[in-house]
Amino acid sequence: MILISLTNILFAQKTKEYKKKILFVVTSHDKKSNEEKTGYYLSEVSHPWKILKEAGYEIDFVSPKGGTPPVDGFDLNDSINKEFWENDIYQNKISNSLKPNDIISKDYSAIYFAGGHGAMWDLPNNKIIAEITKTIYENNGIIGAFCHGSAGLINIKLKNGKYLIDGKKINGFSNEEETIIGLTKVVPFSLEDKIKEHGGLYIKDKPWQEFAVSDQRLVTGQNPQSATIVGEKIKELLNNK
């Protein structure tokens, strides 16, 4: 009887740990169409990473091509960027990111799409990552994205045939912000317009303001300034599961 009880306790502990993994998706695309370098934006990985790691969650990384993904916004004057970049365990993880075929969806309680312009090219039509995301969401998991990372969500369809974003409040890098930085004609599509086209209830704040929204287990943020609040909202949803 004692042995059975102990086994049940250990199983419950392992199950709790098992459900605490989060999958970060980063782009493998390294150039904008004007040949300027791009990739994932470092602070859009490091700031949510710090919040979720300190809350006790284990994080894995996946990219369309696997291996070492290209990085943009490389600023080690940002103390959190520096902390992430100099963390041996996580530097090894992101430098050896998993390939989509390596991922077992049921291992993760949440999936998060980091931004950076590269995400606009290789995340929207990656069918394997879309299937992973759908499975995590339909297993009552949390979906997070922000800035250009929201591009990874636009084409995902659920079992009912509807787009994941359909009828949900969502945001990402705005048309206004894209115009300000002069890349409207460089990116392959308007993220704001595509979100609306697929039924997302796009809402935004003024350019460069911290802004994020949570709706039906979907957390999205607008721009690099929103990195911390996105991490906080994902943590809150996970802790309340």
Protein backbone atom coordinates (compact mmCIF):
# COMPACT_ATOMS: atom_id res chain seq x y z
CA MET A 1 0.00 0.00 0.00
CA ILE A 2 2.82 2.40 0.91
CA LEU A 3 4.70 1.35 -2.23
CA ILE A 4 1.66 2.14 -4.41
CA SER A 5 1.21 5.55 -2.77
CA LEU A 6 4.88 6.38 -3.26
CA THR A 7 4.66 5.33 -6.90
CA ASN A 8 1.64 7.58 -7.42
CA ILE A 9 3.45 10.54 -5.84
CA LEU A 10 6.52 10.02 -8.01
CA PHE A 11 4.34 9.68 -11.09
CA ALA A 12 2.53 12.91 -10.25
CA GLN A 13 5.83 14.71 -9.75
CA LYS A 14 7.19 13.44 -13.07
CA THR A 15 3.97 14.38 -14.83
CA LYS A 16 4.15 17.90 -13.41
CA GLU A 17 7.75 18.26 -14.57
CA TYR A 18 6.89 16.74 -17.93
CA LYS A 19 4.26 19.38 -18.55
CA LYS A 20 6.58 22.26 -17.76
CA LYS A 21 8.49 22.28 -21.05
CA ILE A 22 8.07 25.19 -23.46
CA LEU A 23 9.09 25.20 -27.11
CA PHE A 24 10.57 28.40 -28.57
CA VAL A 25 10.37 28.73 -32.36
CA VAL A 26 13.03 30.85 -34.08
CA THR A 27 13.57 31.60 -37.76
CA SER A 28 16.30 30.08 -39.96
CA HIS A 29 15.97 32.85 -42.55
CA ASP A 30 18.99 35.16 -42.58
CA LYS A 31 18.35 37.80 -45.26
CA LYS A 32 15.64 40.27 -46.15
CA SER A 33 14.86 40.48 -49.84
CA ASN A 34 17.10 43.57 -50.04
CA GLU A 35 20.00 41.35 -48.87
CA GLU A 36 20.21 43.05 -45.49
CA LYS A 37 20.90 40.48 -42.78
CA THR A 38 18.13 39.37 -40.46
CA GLY A 39 17.17 36.45 -38.22
CA TYR A 40 15.48 36.10 -34.84
CA TYR A 41 15.63 39.21 -32.66
CA LEU A 42 17.74 38.45 -29.61
CA SER A 43 15.70 40.33 -27.01
CA GLU A 44 12.55 38.63 -28.26
CA VAL A 45 14.09 35.35 -27.14
CA SER A 46 16.03 36.46 -24.08
CA HIS A 47 13.38 38.49 -22.25
CA PRO A 48 10.60 35.85 -22.30
CA TRP A 49 13.28 33.18 -21.67
CA LYS A 50 14.39 34.88 -18.44
CA ILE A 51 10.85 35.15 -17.08
CA LEU A 52 9.89 31.59 -17.94
CA LYS A 53 13.20 30.02 -16.89
CA GLU A 54 13.09 31.76 -13.52
CA ALA A 55 9.53 30.48 -13.09
CA GLY A 56 10.90 26.93 -13.38
CA TYR A 57 10.08 26.09 -16.98
CA GLU A 58 12.48 24.19 -19.22
CA ILE A 59 12.84 25.64 -22.71
CA ASP A 60 13.78 23.95 -25.99
CA PHE A 61 14.42 25.64 -29.33
CA VAL A 62 13.29 24.63 -32.81
CA SER A 63 13.94 26.28 -36.16
CA PRO A 64 12.89 25.28 -39.69
CA LYS A 65 16.42 24.12 -40.60
CA GLY A 66 17.68 23.21 -37.13
CA GLY A 67 21.23 23.95 -36.05
CA THR A 68 22.46 27.50 -35.41
CA PRO A 69 19.81 30.09 -36.34
CA PRO A 70 20.79 33.61 -37.48
CA VAL A 71 20.49 36.33 -34.85
CA ASP A 72 19.51 39.97 -35.25
CA GLY A 73 19.37 42.81 -32.72
CA PHE A 74 22.58 41.55 -31.13
CA ASP A 75 22.95 43.96 -28.25
CA LEU A 76 24.88 42.74 -25.22
CA ASN A 77 24.47 46.12 -23.53
CA ASP A 78 21.04 44.76 -22.74
CA SER A 79 21.78 42.87 -19.51
CA ILE A 80 19.16 40.19 -20.19
CA ASN A 81 20.53 39.57 -23.68
CA LYS A 82 23.97 39.21 -22.11
CA GLU A 83 22.70 36.82 -19.45
CA PHE A 84 21.05 34.62 -22.06
CA TRP A 85 23.99 34.71 -24.47
CA GLU A 86 26.48 33.77 -21.75
CA ASN A 87 24.36 30.97 -20.28
CA ASP A 88 26.25 27.84 -21.36
CA ILE A 89 23.25 25.53 -21.25
CA TYR A 90 20.95 27.73 -23.30
CA GLN A 91 23.67 28.93 -25.64
CA ASN A 92 24.24 25.28 -26.50
CA LYS A 93 20.51 24.70 -26.91
CA ILE A 94 19.89 27.58 -29.30
CA SER A 95 23.12 26.96 -31.21
CA ASN A 96 21.92 23.41 -31.80
CA SER A 97 18.23 24.12 -32.29
CA LEU A 98 16.06 21.11 -33.03
CA LYS A 99 14.53 20.40 -36.42
CA PRO A 100 10.72 20.28 -36.61
CA ASN A 101 10.78 16.52 -37.22
CA ASP A 102 12.63 16.08 -33.91
CA ILE A 103 9.75 17.52 -31.89
CA ILE A 104 7.25 15.41 -29.93
CA SER A 105 4.34 17.79 -29.49
CA LYS A 106 2.93 16.18 -26.36
CA ASP A 107 6.13 17.02 -24.49
CA TYR A 108 5.22 20.72 -24.41
CA SER A 109 2.68 22.80 -22.52
CA ALA A 110 3.36 25.91 -24.59
CA ILE A 111 4.91 27.04 -27.84
CA TYR A 112 6.25 30.53 -28.42
CA PHE A 113 7.19 32.20 -31.73
CA ALA A 114 10.03 34.71 -31.38
CA GLY A 115 10.11 37.70 -33.71
CA GLY A 116 12.68 39.15 -36.04
CA HIS A 117 12.01 39.87 -39.70
CA GLY A 118 13.25 36.44 -40.77
CA ALA A 119 10.06 34.93 -39.35
CA MET A 120 8.08 36.51 -42.17
CA TRP A 121 9.77 34.28 -44.74
CA ASP A 122 10.07 30.78 -43.31
CA LEU A 123 7.52 30.39 -40.50
CA PRO A 124 4.10 31.05 -42.13
CA ASN A 125 4.20 28.02 -44.46
CA ASN A 126 6.13 25.51 -42.38
CA LYS A 127 3.59 22.68 -42.23
CA ILE A 128 5.41 20.65 -39.58
CA ILE A 129 5.68 23.56 -37.14
CA ALA A 130 2.03 24.38 -37.87
CA GLU A 131 1.03 20.81 -36.97
CA ILE A 132 3.09 20.95 -33.77
CA THR A 133 1.39 24.22 -32.80
CA LYS A 134 -2.07 22.89 -33.57
CA THR A 135 -1.45 19.78 -31.48
CA ILE A 136 -0.14 21.74 -28.50
CA TYR A 137 -3.11 24.12 -28.66
CA GLU A 138 -5.68 21.34 -28.98
CA ASN A 139 -4.06 19.59 -26.01
CA ASN A 140 -5.01 22.66 -23.94
CA GLY A 141 -1.58 24.25 -24.37
CA ILE A 142 -0.61 27.91 -24.60
CA ILE A 143 0.42 29.66 -27.82
CA GLY A 144 2.61 32.76 -27.69
CA ALA A 145 4.06 35.04 -30.35
CA PHE A 146 4.97 38.63 -30.86
CA CYS A 147 6.24 41.17 -33.29
CA HIS A 148 6.99 39.37 -36.60
CA GLY A 149 6.77 36.03 -34.80
CA SER A 150 2.98 36.28 -35.17
CA ALA A 151 3.58 35.44 -38.83
CA GLY A 152 4.07 31.85 -37.71
CA LEU A 153 0.41 31.70 -36.62
CA ILE A 154 -1.42 33.09 -39.65
CA ASN A 155 -1.90 29.87 -41.64
CA ILE A 156 -2.45 27.36 -38.82
CA LYS A 157 -5.80 25.59 -39.00
CA LEU A 158 -7.45 23.61 -36.22
CA LYS A 159 -9.30 20.31 -36.55
CA ASN A 160 -12.56 22.20 -37.09
CA GLY A 161 -11.09 23.75 -40.25
CA LYS A 162 -10.92 27.26 -38.83
CA TYR A 163 -7.76 29.31 -38.57
CA LEU A 164 -6.22 29.27 -35.10
CA ILE A 165 -6.38 33.07 -34.97
CA ASP A 166 -9.97 33.30 -36.22
CA GLY A 167 -12.13 35.20 -33.74
CA LYS A 168 -9.28 35.83 -31.29
CA LYS A 169 -7.77 39.13 -30.21
CA ILE A 170 -4.26 39.21 -31.60
CA ASN A 171 -1.49 41.57 -32.55
CA GLY A 172 1.97 41.67 -34.05
CA PHE A 173 4.15 44.23 -35.80
CA SER A 174 1.80 46.88 -37.20
CA ASN A 175 1.62 48.37 -40.69
CA GLU A 176 2.45 51.74 -39.16
CA GLU A 177 5.62 50.39 -37.54
CA GLU A 178 6.67 48.62 -40.76
CA THR A 179 6.23 51.91 -42.64
CA ILE A 180 8.28 53.84 -40.09
CA ILE A 181 11.28 51.54 -40.57
CA GLY A 182 10.89 51.58 -44.35
CA LEU A 183 10.33 47.87 -44.94
CA THR A 184 6.75 47.79 -46.21
CA LYS A 185 7.92 46.87 -49.71
CA VAL A 186 10.60 44.48 -48.47
CA VAL A 187 8.58 42.07 -46.33
CA PRO A 188 6.70 39.39 -48.31
CA PHE A 189 3.30 40.51 -46.99
CA SER A 190 1.63 42.82 -44.49
CA LEU A 191 1.38 40.96 -41.19
CA GLU A 192 -1.43 43.16 -39.91
CA ASP A 193 -3.46 42.69 -43.11
CA LYS A 194 -2.92 38.93 -43.21
CA ILE A 195 -4.04 38.54 -39.60
CA LYS A 196 -7.27 40.37 -40.41
CA GLU A 197 -7.75 38.37 -43.61
CA HIS A 198 -7.69 35.12 -41.63
CA GLY A 199 -10.19 36.28 -39.04
CA GLY A 200 -7.89 37.60 -36.32
CA LEU A 201 -9.26 40.49 -34.29
CA TYR A 202 -6.19 42.68 -34.72
CA ILE A 203 -5.71 45.32 -32.05
CA LYS A 204 -2.71 47.57 -31.51
CA ASP A 205 -1.24 50.48 -29.60
CA LYS A 206 0.84 53.38 -30.85
CA PRO A 207 4.22 52.48 -32.43
CA TRP A 208 6.93 51.23 -30.09
CA GLN A 209 4.65 51.08 -27.04
CA GLU A 210 4.67 48.02 -24.80
CA PHE A 211 1.49 46.17 -25.70
CA ALA A 212 0.30 42.57 -25.52
CA VAL A 213 -3.02 40.77 -25.47
CA SER A 214 -4.19 37.39 -24.20
CA ASP A 215 -7.28 35.67 -25.59
CA GLN A 216 -8.33 32.00 -25.50
CA ARG A 217 -4.84 30.69 -24.61
CA LEU A 218 -3.22 32.86 -27.29
CA VAL A 219 -0.74 35.53 -26.15
CA THR A 220 0.64 38.01 -28.66
CA GLY A 221 2.71 41.19 -28.42
CA GLN A 222 3.21 44.06 -30.82
CA ASN A 223 6.90 44.97 -30.98
CA PRO A 224 10.32 44.42 -29.31
CA GLN A 225 9.25 46.67 -26.42
CA SER A 226 6.60 44.07 -25.55
CA ALA A 227 8.96 41.14 -24.91
CA THR A 228 8.74 41.15 -21.13
CA ILE A 229 4.98 41.49 -20.89
CA VAL A 230 4.48 38.62 -23.35
CA GLY A 231 6.62 36.39 -21.15
CA GLU A 232 4.64 37.44 -18.08
CA LYS A 233 1.31 36.67 -19.72
CA ILE A 234 2.48 33.24 -20.89
CA LYS A 235 3.73 32.48 -17.37
CA GLU A 236 0.42 33.55 -15.86
CA LEU A 237 -1.57 31.26 -18.16
CA LEU A 238 0.75 28.31 -17.54
CA ASN A 239 0.70 28.77 -13.77
CA ASN A 240 -3.11 28.79 -13.82
CA LYS A 241 -3.44 25.55 -15.78
